[in-house]
Amino acid sequence: MSAEGDLLHVVTSDQIGPARERLGRGLIWGSFGVMVLAFVYCTLADNGALGLELTNWRPALYGYLIWATCFCIAQVVLYGEQGKRRLFLLPATLFVVAMVIFPLIFALGIAFSNWNLSSLEGRSFNGWDNARQAWGDPFYWNALKNMVYYTLAILVEYTIAFGLALILASQIRARKLFRVAFLLPLMLSPVAVSWMVGKSMMEARFGPLARLGRELGWDRPSFFGDPEIARATIMVMDAWTFIPFMMIMILAGLQAIPKEVQEAAKVDGANGWRGFWEVTFPLMLPVSLTAILIRIIFKLKLADIIINVTSGGPGGATDSVTSFIFREYRDRSNVGYGTFLAILYLVLIVLAITAFMKAVDRWMNPRY
């Protein structure tokens, strides 16, 4: 190919004149002003300040669409060919903003409101009343305490998953069959697990596990009648569902360890437990921490098994924060208070995950 032909594929910077630059910036700021006016109008009309009844927030949506369209056009006007490249990312970015950021802002407005769907009064601003109610709500604090127990159970789940991964990584017979068998719980939805195991197998009168308990001498077997037993049962059911997830991640990490490293460790005398503790386990730390972090994220959303099996009972002993917020919406129709609890839980999750990642970073990369 000739040199002239090669130049056709080179993206050069366009010469942007002052008039074109003013047009691009005018498009951005003019459309932004339209969007702001639409949001202000909807906010004032929703609060009754304009004496108008706001049926929906469609004007704000139109204002955002106008701004997003003008913003994309302005990128081409201001940056030419470079701006066209940005158009490959901008629609997805603006969609995420519309689907995540705006609902979060709207949720913040609801969180500081008194809004009960069973009341005829509608939504009204109540300041920090929801915060004061949450501070004195023993059931919410109990749900937070339960989440600490559920999260600490991940250490046991990780130990079991690591042991299963070591077994499946060794040269045992029918290991492919065992891999598929151990992955079966992960293929089931938590709702299916709650009905098949919690509602059927653990049913106090006719469930097979209850019958087995009576055969072993348990007088009145009840997996969900005692608070401690019920909480432990929920932990076991959730662990049975998600241990295979951690196991498959750890198994992939074990198979990625070079065999030369393990053979060199054996030559140096690191066999058995010493080889695992000094070679295998340190090499698996990045994979292990990733698996634990992802499992924590899943655990913090624990709700479906609890809702279907115990509904938080007995007496809130099995409640997670998510299941408690769900029942605040469903049973009490308290949208304002439930939204505040959700926002508060989101803040606590962000702080906890950030602290966990910083602690892991300092542990993995100590600063002397």
Protein backbone atom coordinates (compact mmCIF):
# COMPACT_ATOMS: atom_id res chain seq x y z
CA MET A 1 0.00 0.00 0.00
CA SER A 2 1.29 3.47 -0.84
CA ALA A 3 2.19 6.14 1.65
CA GLU A 4 -0.81 8.23 0.55
CA GLY A 5 -3.11 5.29 1.27
CA ASP A 6 -1.70 4.85 4.75
CA LEU A 7 -2.41 8.49 5.56
CA LEU A 8 -6.10 7.92 4.95
CA HIS A 9 -6.26 5.84 8.16
CA VAL A 10 -4.59 8.45 10.36
CA VAL A 11 -6.98 10.50 12.50
CA THR A 12 -5.68 14.05 12.68
CA SER A 13 -6.85 16.84 14.94
CA ASP A 14 -9.47 19.06 13.34
CA GLN A 15 -9.03 22.81 13.16
CA ILE A 16 -11.78 24.10 15.44
CA GLY A 17 -12.54 27.77 14.88
CA PRO A 18 -13.85 30.19 17.51
CA ALA A 19 -17.36 30.20 16.04
CA ARG A 20 -17.56 26.41 16.05
CA GLU A 21 -16.26 26.28 19.61
CA ARG A 22 -18.88 28.80 20.75
CA LEU A 23 -21.57 26.73 19.02
CA GLY A 24 -20.47 23.53 20.79
CA ARG A 25 -20.30 25.12 24.22
CA GLY A 26 -23.60 26.88 23.59
CA LEU A 27 -25.23 23.53 22.83
CA ILE A 28 -23.92 22.03 26.07
CA TRP A 29 -24.79 24.88 28.40
CA GLY A 30 -28.04 25.82 26.70
CA SER A 31 -29.40 22.28 26.87
CA PHE A 32 -28.10 21.97 30.43
CA GLY A 33 -30.09 25.07 31.37
CA VAL A 34 -33.22 23.53 29.81
CA MET A 35 -32.68 20.35 31.84
CA VAL A 36 -32.19 22.29 35.07
CA LEU A 37 -35.35 24.33 34.44
CA ALA A 38 -37.30 21.11 33.79
CA PHE A 39 -36.07 19.60 37.06
CA VAL A 40 -36.81 22.79 39.02
CA TYR A 41 -40.30 22.96 37.52
CA CYS A 42 -41.03 19.32 38.41
CA THR A 43 -39.66 19.75 41.94
CA LEU A 44 -41.70 22.89 42.65
CA ALA A 45 -44.85 21.43 41.10
CA ASP A 46 -44.42 18.20 43.08
CA ASN A 47 -44.22 20.20 46.33
CA GLY A 48 -47.25 22.30 45.41
CA ALA A 49 -45.28 25.55 45.22
CA LEU A 50 -46.65 26.45 41.76
CA GLY A 51 -50.26 25.60 42.48
CA LEU A 52 -50.15 22.94 39.76
CA GLU A 53 -50.73 19.21 40.02
CA LEU A 54 -47.76 17.21 38.77
CA THR A 55 -48.92 13.92 37.28
CA ASN A 56 -45.45 12.63 36.41
CA TRP A 57 -41.83 13.70 35.98
CA ARG A 58 -41.90 13.39 32.21
CA PRO A 59 -40.72 17.02 31.63
CA ALA A 60 -37.53 16.20 33.55
CA LEU A 61 -37.02 13.13 31.35
CA TYR A 62 -37.45 15.21 28.21
CA GLY A 63 -35.01 17.79 29.57
CA TYR A 64 -32.41 15.09 30.22
CA LEU A 65 -32.87 13.59 26.74
CA ILE A 66 -32.42 17.03 25.16
CA TRP A 67 -29.24 17.65 27.16
CA ALA A 68 -27.84 14.17 26.40
CA THR A 69 -28.49 14.59 22.66
CA CYS A 70 -26.97 18.06 22.53
CA PHE A 71 -23.99 16.92 24.61
CA CYS A 72 -23.23 14.12 22.11
CA ILE A 73 -23.58 16.49 19.14
CA ALA A 74 -21.34 19.04 20.87
CA GLN A 75 -18.54 16.48 21.18
CA VAL A 76 -18.34 16.24 17.39
CA VAL A 77 -18.63 20.01 16.99
CA LEU A 78 -15.87 20.70 19.52
CA TYR A 79 -13.46 17.85 18.86
CA GLY A 80 -14.21 16.62 15.33
CA GLU A 81 -12.93 13.10 14.69
CA GLN A 82 -11.84 12.71 18.30
CA GLY A 83 -15.39 13.57 19.35
CA LYS A 84 -16.77 10.81 17.13
CA ARG A 85 -14.67 8.34 19.06
CA ARG A 86 -16.28 9.50 22.29
CA LEU A 87 -19.69 8.72 20.87
CA PHE A 88 -18.91 5.03 21.25
CA LEU A 89 -18.88 5.43 25.04
CA LEU A 90 -21.17 8.37 25.75
CA PRO A 91 -24.57 6.67 25.14
CA ALA A 92 -23.73 3.85 27.57
CA THR A 93 -22.38 6.34 30.12
CA LEU A 94 -25.43 8.59 29.89
CA PHE A 95 -27.71 5.56 30.18
CA VAL A 96 -25.95 4.50 33.39
CA VAL A 97 -26.35 8.03 34.74
CA ALA A 98 -30.05 7.95 33.93
CA MET A 99 -30.59 4.48 35.44
CA VAL A 100 -28.38 4.81 38.55
CA ILE A 101 -27.56 8.39 39.51
CA PHE A 102 -30.99 9.98 39.03
CA PRO A 103 -32.90 7.22 40.88
CA LEU A 104 -30.39 7.54 43.73
CA ILE A 105 -31.01 11.29 43.92
CA PHE A 106 -34.77 10.66 43.85
CA ALA A 107 -34.36 8.04 46.60
CA LEU A 108 -32.55 10.61 48.76
CA GLY A 109 -35.61 12.86 48.46
CA ILE A 110 -37.90 10.01 49.49
CA ALA A 111 -35.62 9.02 52.38
CA PHE A 112 -36.28 12.33 54.13
CA SER A 113 -40.03 12.13 53.62
CA ASN A 114 -43.02 10.68 55.39
CA TRP A 115 -44.64 8.55 52.72
CA ASN A 116 -46.93 5.67 53.61
CA LEU A 117 -48.86 4.13 50.74
CA SER A 118 -51.71 3.17 53.07
CA SER A 119 -52.22 6.84 54.04
CA LEU A 120 -54.33 9.33 52.09
CA GLU A 121 -52.06 12.25 52.94
CA GLY A 122 -49.36 11.47 50.37
CA ARG A 123 -45.69 12.30 50.68
CA SER A 124 -44.44 15.11 52.92
CA PHE A 125 -40.97 16.21 53.99
CA ASN A 126 -40.16 15.20 57.57
CA GLY A 127 -36.47 16.07 57.90
CA TRP A 128 -34.51 13.77 60.20
CA ASP A 129 -37.52 11.94 61.65
CA ASN A 130 -36.67 8.77 59.75
CA ALA A 131 -33.11 8.90 61.09
CA ARG A 132 -34.35 9.24 64.65
CA GLN A 133 -36.78 6.37 64.11
CA ALA A 134 -33.99 4.17 62.70
CA TRP A 135 -31.74 5.01 65.67
CA GLY A 136 -34.38 3.77 68.10
CA ASP A 137 -35.58 0.80 66.02
CA PRO A 138 -34.48 -2.41 67.81
CA PHE A 139 -35.53 -4.61 64.90
CA TYR A 140 -33.26 -2.76 62.49
CA TRP A 141 -30.32 -3.03 64.88
CA ASN A 142 -31.12 -6.71 65.33
CA ALA A 143 -31.01 -7.16 61.55
CA LEU A 144 -27.61 -5.43 61.43
CA LYS A 145 -26.36 -7.74 64.19
CA ASN A 146 -27.58 -10.75 62.23
CA MET A 147 -25.70 -9.50 59.17
CA VAL A 148 -22.50 -9.57 61.23
CA TYR A 149 -23.15 -13.23 62.05
CA TYR A 150 -24.02 -14.06 58.43
CA THR A 151 -20.89 -12.30 57.16
CA LEU A 152 -18.58 -14.00 59.67
CA ALA A 153 -19.95 -17.34 58.46
CA ILE A 154 -18.12 -16.68 55.19
CA LEU A 155 -14.87 -17.73 56.90
CA VAL A 156 -16.33 -21.20 57.50
CA GLU A 157 -17.69 -21.30 53.95
CA TYR A 158 -14.26 -20.34 52.60
CA THR A 159 -12.56 -23.11 54.60
CA ILE A 160 -15.00 -25.72 53.29
CA ALA A 161 -14.71 -24.40 49.73
CA PHE A 162 -10.91 -24.49 49.90
CA GLY A 163 -10.96 -28.07 51.17
CA LEU A 164 -13.31 -29.19 48.39
CA ALA A 165 -11.18 -27.39 45.80
CA LEU A 166 -8.05 -29.18 47.05
CA ILE A 167 -9.83 -32.53 46.78
CA LEU A 168 -11.09 -31.83 43.27
CA ALA A 169 -7.67 -30.57 42.18
CA SER A 170 -6.02 -33.82 43.25
CA GLN A 171 -5.87 -36.97 41.17
CA ILE A 172 -9.00 -38.74 42.40
CA ARG A 173 -11.33 -41.00 40.51
CA ALA A 174 -14.46 -39.51 38.90
CA ARG A 175 -13.31 -35.99 39.76
CA LYS A 176 -15.20 -34.56 36.77
CA LEU A 177 -18.40 -36.15 38.05
CA PHE A 178 -17.79 -34.71 41.52
CA ARG A 179 -17.15 -31.25 40.07
CA VAL A 180 -20.54 -31.30 38.36
CA ALA A 181 -22.24 -32.71 41.47
CA PHE A 182 -20.76 -30.03 43.76
CA LEU A 183 -21.87 -27.30 41.34
CA LEU A 184 -25.52 -28.41 41.34
CA PRO A 185 -26.57 -26.21 44.32
CA LEU A 186 -25.17 -23.15 42.52
CA MET A 187 -27.43 -23.89 39.55
CA LEU A 188 -30.54 -23.63 41.75
CA SER A 189 -32.11 -20.29 42.58
CA PRO A 190 -32.31 -19.38 46.29
CA VAL A 191 -36.11 -19.39 46.00
CA ALA A 192 -36.04 -23.00 44.80
CA VAL A 193 -33.67 -23.93 47.62
CA SER A 194 -35.91 -22.27 50.21
CA TRP A 195 -38.95 -24.24 49.04
CA MET A 196 -37.28 -27.59 48.39
CA VAL A 197 -35.14 -27.61 51.53
CA GLY A 198 -36.64 -25.11 53.97
CA LYS A 199 -40.33 -25.65 53.27
CA SER A 200 -40.27 -29.36 52.38
CA MET A 201 -37.30 -31.27 53.78
CA MET A 202 -37.22 -29.28 57.04
CA GLU A 203 -40.97 -29.16 57.63
CA ALA A 204 -41.52 -29.90 61.32
CA ARG A 205 -44.20 -32.61 60.97
CA PHE A 206 -43.59 -34.55 57.77
CA GLY A 207 -40.21 -33.35 56.48
CA PRO A 208 -37.60 -36.11 56.06
CA LEU A 209 -35.00 -34.21 58.07
CA ALA A 210 -37.49 -33.73 60.91
CA ARG A 211 -38.26 -37.47 60.85
CA LEU A 212 -34.54 -38.22 60.94
CA GLY A 213 -34.22 -35.92 63.95
CA ARG A 214 -36.96 -37.82 65.77
CA GLU A 215 -35.24 -41.11 64.96
CA LEU A 216 -32.02 -39.75 66.48
CA GLY A 217 -33.77 -38.71 69.70
CA TRP A 218 -34.77 -35.09 69.02
CA ASP A 219 -38.10 -34.88 70.81
CA ARG A 220 -39.78 -32.09 68.85
CA PRO A 221 -37.60 -31.22 65.89
CA SER A 222 -38.12 -27.65 64.74
CA PHE A 223 -35.54 -26.04 62.54
CA PHE A 224 -37.21 -22.62 62.64
CA GLY A 225 -38.80 -22.49 66.09
CA ASP A 226 -35.73 -21.66 68.17
CA PRO A 227 -33.95 -18.36 67.32
CA GLU A 228 -30.41 -19.78 67.39
CA ILE A 229 -31.30 -22.94 65.46
CA ALA A 230 -33.26 -20.93 62.91
CA ARG A 231 -30.36 -18.54 62.31
CA ALA A 232 -27.92 -21.44 61.98
CA THR A 233 -30.28 -23.21 59.56
CA ILE A 234 -30.49 -20.13 57.34
CA MET A 235 -26.68 -19.94 57.35
CA VAL A 236 -26.42 -23.60 56.31
CA MET A 237 -28.96 -23.23 53.49
CA ASP A 238 -27.25 -20.11 52.15
CA ALA A 239 -23.82 -21.72 52.47
CA TRP A 240 -24.98 -24.85 50.63
CA THR A 241 -26.07 -22.62 47.75
CA PHE A 242 -22.94 -20.49 47.44
CA ILE A 243 -20.02 -22.63 48.62
CA PRO A 244 -19.73 -24.07 45.07
CA PHE A 245 -19.19 -20.53 43.77
CA MET A 246 -16.16 -20.02 46.01
CA MET A 247 -14.99 -23.57 45.34
CA ILE A 248 -14.90 -23.13 41.56
CA MET A 249 -12.94 -19.86 41.86
CA ILE A 250 -10.39 -21.44 44.20
CA LEU A 251 -10.18 -24.53 41.99
CA ALA A 252 -9.38 -22.35 38.99
CA GLY A 253 -6.64 -20.65 41.02
CA LEU A 254 -5.16 -23.98 42.12
CA GLN A 255 -5.02 -25.21 38.55
CA ALA A 256 -3.24 -22.01 37.50
CA ILE A 257 -0.34 -22.58 39.92
CA PRO A 258 2.67 -23.81 37.90
CA LYS A 259 3.55 -27.39 38.67
CA GLU A 260 7.23 -26.44 38.65
CA VAL A 261 6.68 -24.34 41.79
CA GLN A 262 5.08 -27.21 43.67
CA GLU A 263 7.75 -29.67 42.53
CA ALA A 264 10.52 -27.27 43.60
CA ALA A 265 8.84 -26.94 47.01
CA LYS A 266 8.79 -30.72 47.40
CA VAL A 267 12.48 -30.91 46.52
CA ASP A 268 13.18 -28.33 49.25
CA GLY A 269 11.29 -30.47 51.76
CA ALA A 270 7.98 -28.59 51.80
CA ASN A 271 5.60 -31.58 51.78
CA GLY A 272 2.07 -31.98 53.09
CA TRP A 273 0.86 -29.29 55.44
CA ARG A 274 4.11 -27.29 55.21
CA GLY A 275 3.90 -27.18 51.41
CA PHE A 276 0.30 -26.01 51.58
CA TRP A 277 0.90 -23.34 54.23
CA GLU A 278 4.16 -21.95 52.82
CA VAL A 279 3.60 -22.34 49.06
CA THR A 280 0.02 -23.06 47.97
CA PHE A 281 -1.85 -20.81 50.39
CA PRO A 282 0.30 -17.67 49.81
CA LEU A 283 0.03 -18.11 46.04
CA MET A 284 -3.74 -18.43 46.37
CA LEU A 285 -4.20 -15.27 48.44
CA PRO A 286 -5.23 -12.98 45.53
CA VAL A 287 -7.82 -15.49 44.32
CA SER A 288 -9.00 -16.19 47.86
CA LEU A 289 -9.48 -12.53 48.71
CA THR A 290 -11.36 -11.95 45.46
CA ALA A 291 -13.65 -14.90 46.17
CA ILE A 292 -14.27 -13.69 49.74
CA LEU A 293 -15.00 -10.14 48.57
CA ILE A 294 -17.51 -11.30 45.96
CA ARG A 295 -19.09 -13.62 48.51
CA ILE A 296 -19.43 -10.74 50.98
CA ILE A 297 -21.26 -8.72 48.32
CA PHE A 298 -23.66 -11.62 47.72
CA LYS A 299 -24.10 -12.16 51.45
CA LEU A 300 -25.00 -8.52 52.08
CA LYS A 301 -27.94 -8.99 49.69
CA LEU A 302 -29.23 -12.09 51.50
CA ALA A 303 -33.02 -11.91 51.55
CA ASP A 304 -34.82 -14.44 49.33
CA ILE A 305 -34.23 -17.52 51.49
CA ILE A 306 -35.21 -15.63 54.64
CA ILE A 307 -38.34 -14.12 53.10
CA ASN A 308 -39.60 -17.44 51.74
CA VAL A 309 -38.75 -19.65 54.73
CA THR A 310 -39.06 -17.62 57.95
CA SER A 311 -40.12 -14.07 56.97
CA GLY A 312 -37.52 -12.92 59.48
CA GLY A 313 -38.87 -14.99 62.37
CA PRO A 314 -39.00 -16.15 65.01
CA GLY A 315 -39.12 -12.65 66.47
CA GLY A 316 -36.69 -11.23 63.93
CA ALA A 317 -33.99 -13.79 64.81
CA THR A 318 -33.22 -14.56 61.17
CA ASP A 319 -33.82 -11.12 59.67
CA SER A 320 -31.22 -9.63 57.38
CA VAL A 321 -31.23 -5.92 56.67
CA THR A 322 -32.50 -6.54 53.14
CA SER A 323 -35.36 -8.79 54.26
CA PHE A 324 -36.29 -6.29 56.99
CA ILE A 325 -36.41 -3.43 54.46
CA PHE A 326 -38.48 -5.60 52.11
CA ARG A 327 -41.04 -6.26 54.82
CA GLU A 328 -41.06 -2.56 55.71
CA TYR A 329 -42.20 -1.92 52.14
CA ARG A 330 -44.51 -4.92 51.71
CA ASP A 331 -46.16 -5.28 55.12
CA ARG A 332 -46.19 -1.69 56.36
CA SER A 333 -46.20 0.21 53.03
CA ASN A 334 -43.74 2.62 54.64
CA VAL A 335 -41.86 3.85 51.58
CA GLY A 336 -40.16 6.84 53.22
CA TYR A 337 -38.76 4.97 56.21
CA GLY A 338 -37.85 1.91 54.13
CA THR A 339 -35.97 4.05 51.63
CA PHE A 340 -34.03 5.76 54.41
CA LEU A 341 -33.01 2.37 55.81
CA ALA A 342 -31.89 1.29 52.33
CA ILE A 343 -29.79 4.45 51.85
CA LEU A 344 -28.27 4.02 55.32
CA TYR A 345 -27.45 0.38 54.53
CA LEU A 346 -25.85 1.44 51.24
CA VAL A 347 -23.60 3.90 53.08
CA LEU A 348 -22.61 1.24 55.64
CA ILE A 349 -21.82 -1.23 52.83
CA VAL A 350 -19.63 1.30 50.99
CA LEU A 351 -17.74 2.13 54.19
CA ALA A 352 -17.30 -1.54 55.13
CA ILE A 353 -16.14 -2.66 51.68
CA THR A 354 -13.76 0.30 51.44
CA ALA A 355 -12.27 -0.49 54.85
CA PHE A 356 -11.95 -4.17 53.90
CA MET A 357 -10.15 -3.37 50.64
CA LYS A 358 -7.80 -0.90 52.36
CA ALA A 359 -7.00 -3.47 55.05
CA VAL A 360 -6.31 -6.10 52.40
CA ASP A 361 -4.10 -3.67 50.48
CA ARG A 362 -2.06 -2.82 53.58
CA TRP A 363 -1.73 -6.51 54.41
CA MET A 364 -0.70 -7.54 50.89
CA ASN A 365 1.57 -4.53 50.37
CA PRO A 366 2.94 -3.49 53.80
CA ARG A 367 4.48 -0.04 53.98
CA TYR A 368 7.57 0.09 56.15
